[in-house]
Structure formats: structure tokens, C-alpha cells
């Protein structure tokens, strides 16, 4: 079976793998790329494009709940 290919979303490096378990930092090629991406979230360079509605956030009516 041929190996699967994916490009690291941070640096573009090609990753070859049989299963996701083969790449502990999936979908990134390394801890460095994973942490650079995380830092971009912390620095608010990435944003969720839409407001989350109360209903979508799990705040639903539960029978018997106060």
C-alpha cells in the first residue's frame, strides 16, 4: 500500500505516513510547526469567522435542569 501524503499546514513540508499514529505531531511535521501555529492562535492572528450562537455552544434546554 502506498504511503499517504500531506503537507504541513505551517511550513509546507511533505509528510509521508501509513497511519496518523506514525506522525505524533499530525498534521504538522514537527513540534516547532505545531507550536508556531498555537502561538498564532494565542496572538489572535487566527480567528473563528462567525459568532457562535448560544444553541451551538451546548446551552440547550435539559429536562429537569434548574
N, C-alpha and C. Protein backbone atom coordinates (compact mmCIF):
# COMPACT_ATOMS: atom_id res chain seq x y z
N UNK A 1 0.85 -1.18 0.00
CA UNK A 1 0.00 0.00 0.00
C UNK A 1 0.89 1.24 0.00
N UNK A 2 0.65 2.18 -0.91
CA UNK A 2 1.48 3.39 -0.94
C UNK A 2 1.23 4.28 0.28
N UNK A 3 2.27 4.98 0.67
CA UNK A 3 2.15 5.88 1.82
C UNK A 3 1.26 7.07 1.45
N UNK A 4 0.56 7.58 2.47
CA UNK A 4 -0.26 8.77 2.28
C UNK A 4 0.63 9.99 2.38
N UNK A 5 0.20 11.07 1.75
CA UNK A 5 0.98 12.30 1.74
C UNK A 5 0.11 13.44 2.23
N UNK A 6 0.73 14.31 3.00
CA UNK A 6 0.08 15.55 3.43
C UNK A 6 1.18 16.59 3.58
N UNK A 7 0.84 17.83 3.33
CA UNK A 7 1.80 18.92 3.53
C UNK A 7 1.51 19.57 4.87
N UNK A 8 2.57 19.88 5.60
CA UNK A 8 2.45 20.57 6.88
C UNK A 8 1.74 21.91 6.64
N UNK A 9 0.68 22.20 7.39
CA UNK A 9 -0.03 23.46 7.17
C UNK A 9 0.78 24.69 7.55
N UNK A 10 1.87 24.51 8.28
CA UNK A 10 2.69 25.65 8.70
C UNK A 10 3.81 25.94 7.72
N UNK A 11 4.61 24.93 7.40
CA UNK A 11 5.80 25.17 6.56
C UNK A 11 5.70 24.56 5.16
N UNK A 12 4.70 23.70 4.94
CA UNK A 12 4.53 23.10 3.62
C UNK A 12 5.34 21.85 3.38
N UNK A 13 6.16 21.43 4.35
CA UNK A 13 6.98 20.22 4.23
C UNK A 13 6.08 19.01 3.99
N UNK A 14 6.45 18.15 3.05
CA UNK A 14 5.66 16.96 2.75
C UNK A 14 5.89 15.88 3.82
N UNK A 15 4.81 15.30 4.30
CA UNK A 15 4.87 14.25 5.30
C UNK A 15 4.33 12.98 4.67
N UNK A 16 5.08 11.89 4.77
CA UNK A 16 4.64 10.59 4.29
C UNK A 16 4.31 9.72 5.49
N UNK A 17 3.17 9.03 5.45
CA UNK A 17 2.77 8.21 6.60
C UNK A 17 1.84 7.10 6.17
N UNK A 18 1.78 6.04 6.98
CA UNK A 18 0.82 4.96 6.76
C UNK A 18 -0.45 5.23 7.55
N UNK A 19 -0.28 5.60 8.83
CA UNK A 19 -1.42 5.95 9.68
C UNK A 19 -1.08 7.24 10.41
N UNK A 20 -2.10 7.91 10.91
CA UNK A 20 -1.89 9.16 11.65
C UNK A 20 -1.01 8.92 12.87
N UNK A 21 -1.09 7.73 13.45
CA UNK A 21 -0.26 7.39 14.62
C UNK A 21 1.23 7.43 14.30
N UNK A 22 1.59 7.34 13.03
CA UNK A 22 3.00 7.39 12.63
C UNK A 22 3.60 8.79 12.78
N UNK A 23 2.74 9.81 12.85
CA UNK A 23 3.20 11.20 12.93
C UNK A 23 2.64 11.81 14.21
N UNK A 24 3.41 11.80 15.31
CA UNK A 24 2.89 12.27 16.59
C UNK A 24 2.44 13.73 16.59
N UNK A 25 2.93 14.53 15.66
CA UNK A 25 2.55 15.94 15.61
C UNK A 25 1.55 16.23 14.49
N UNK A 26 0.91 15.19 13.97
CA UNK A 26 -0.04 15.32 12.86
C UNK A 26 -1.04 16.43 13.12
N UNK A 27 -1.35 17.29 12.19
CA UNK A 27 -0.94 17.32 10.79
C UNK A 27 0.34 18.12 10.54
N UNK A 28 1.04 18.49 11.61
CA UNK A 28 2.28 19.25 11.47
C UNK A 28 3.46 18.30 11.35
N UNK A 29 4.55 18.80 10.76
CA UNK A 29 5.72 17.96 10.55
C UNK A 29 6.60 17.88 11.80
N UNK A 30 6.45 18.83 12.73
CA UNK A 30 7.32 18.86 13.90
C UNK A 30 6.64 19.61 15.04
N UNK A 31 7.23 19.48 16.23
CA UNK A 31 6.74 20.24 17.38
C UNK A 31 6.88 21.74 17.13
N UNK A 32 7.94 22.13 16.46
CA UNK A 32 8.15 23.55 16.18
C UNK A 32 6.98 24.12 15.38
N UNK A 33 6.60 23.45 14.29
CA UNK A 33 5.48 23.94 13.47
C UNK A 33 4.18 23.93 14.26
N UNK A 34 3.98 22.93 15.08
CA UNK A 34 2.78 22.84 15.92
C UNK A 34 2.72 24.03 16.87
N UNK A 35 3.85 24.36 17.49
CA UNK A 35 3.90 25.46 18.45
C UNK A 35 3.80 26.83 17.77
N UNK A 36 4.35 26.97 16.58
CA UNK A 36 4.21 28.22 15.83
C UNK A 36 2.73 28.45 15.53
N UNK A 37 2.02 27.41 15.13
CA UNK A 37 0.60 27.52 14.85
C UNK A 37 -0.18 27.89 16.12
N UNK A 38 0.15 27.25 17.23
CA UNK A 38 -0.52 27.53 18.50
C UNK A 38 -0.29 28.99 18.91
N UNK A 39 0.93 29.47 18.72
CA UNK A 39 1.24 30.87 19.05
C UNK A 39 0.40 31.83 18.21
N UNK A 40 0.15 31.49 16.95
CA UNK A 40 -0.68 32.36 16.12
C UNK A 40 -2.10 32.44 16.67
N UNK A 41 -2.61 31.35 17.24
CA UNK A 41 -3.93 31.39 17.88
C UNK A 41 -3.86 32.28 19.12
N UNK A 42 -2.81 32.13 19.93
CA UNK A 42 -2.67 32.94 21.14
C UNK A 42 -2.55 34.43 20.82
N UNK A 43 -1.85 34.75 19.75
CA UNK A 43 -1.66 36.14 19.36
C UNK A 43 -2.84 36.68 18.54
N UNK A 44 -3.87 35.88 18.39
CA UNK A 44 -5.10 36.23 17.67
C UNK A 44 -4.87 36.56 16.21
N UNK A 45 -3.88 35.89 15.60
CA UNK A 45 -3.69 36.02 14.16
C UNK A 45 -4.73 35.20 13.42
N UNK A 46 -5.23 34.15 14.05
CA UNK A 46 -6.31 33.34 13.51
C UNK A 46 -7.57 33.69 14.29
N UNK A 47 -8.70 33.66 13.62
CA UNK A 47 -9.97 33.94 14.28
C UNK A 47 -11.04 33.01 13.74
N UNK A 48 -12.03 32.72 14.56
CA UNK A 48 -13.21 32.00 14.11
C UNK A 48 -14.02 33.01 13.31
N UNK A 49 -14.47 32.64 12.12
CA UNK A 49 -15.07 33.59 11.20
C UNK A 49 -16.50 34.01 11.54
N UNK A 50 -17.18 33.25 12.39
CA UNK A 50 -18.56 33.58 12.72
C UNK A 50 -18.74 33.57 14.22
N UNK A 51 -19.74 34.34 14.69
CA UNK A 51 -20.09 34.28 16.10
C UNK A 51 -20.73 32.92 16.38
N UNK A 52 -20.47 32.40 17.56
CA UNK A 52 -21.06 31.13 17.97
C UNK A 52 -22.38 31.45 18.64
N UNK A 53 -23.44 30.83 18.17
CA UNK A 53 -24.76 31.03 18.74
C UNK A 53 -24.86 30.25 20.05
N UNK A 54 -25.68 30.75 20.97
CA UNK A 54 -25.87 30.06 22.25
C UNK A 54 -26.26 28.61 22.06
N UNK A 55 -27.13 28.34 21.11
CA UNK A 55 -27.59 26.98 20.86
C UNK A 55 -26.44 26.08 20.43
N UNK A 56 -25.53 26.61 19.63
CA UNK A 56 -24.39 25.83 19.14
C UNK A 56 -23.36 25.59 20.23
N UNK A 57 -23.38 26.40 21.28
CA UNK A 57 -22.39 26.28 22.34
C UNK A 57 -22.78 25.23 23.37
N UNK A 58 -23.88 24.53 23.13
CA UNK A 58 -24.29 23.47 24.04
C UNK A 58 -25.23 23.92 25.12
N UNK A 59 -25.70 25.14 25.05
CA UNK A 59 -26.64 25.64 26.05
C UNK A 59 -28.05 25.33 25.58
N UNK A 60 -28.45 24.11 25.78
CA UNK A 60 -29.78 23.66 25.35
C UNK A 60 -30.64 23.39 26.56
N UNK A 61 -31.92 23.43 26.36
CA UNK A 61 -32.85 23.11 27.44
C UNK A 61 -32.74 21.62 27.78
N UNK A 62 -32.50 21.34 29.04
CA UNK A 62 -32.40 19.97 29.51
C UNK A 62 -33.54 19.74 30.47
N UNK A 63 -34.36 18.74 30.18
CA UNK A 63 -35.49 18.49 31.08
C UNK A 63 -35.01 18.23 32.50
N UNK A 64 -35.64 18.91 33.47
CA UNK A 64 -35.30 18.72 34.88
C UNK A 64 -34.12 19.55 35.36
N UNK A 65 -33.48 20.30 34.44
CA UNK A 65 -32.35 21.13 34.85
C UNK A 65 -32.85 22.43 35.44
N UNK A 66 -32.17 22.99 36.43
CA UNK A 66 -32.59 24.25 37.04
C UNK A 66 -32.50 25.42 36.09
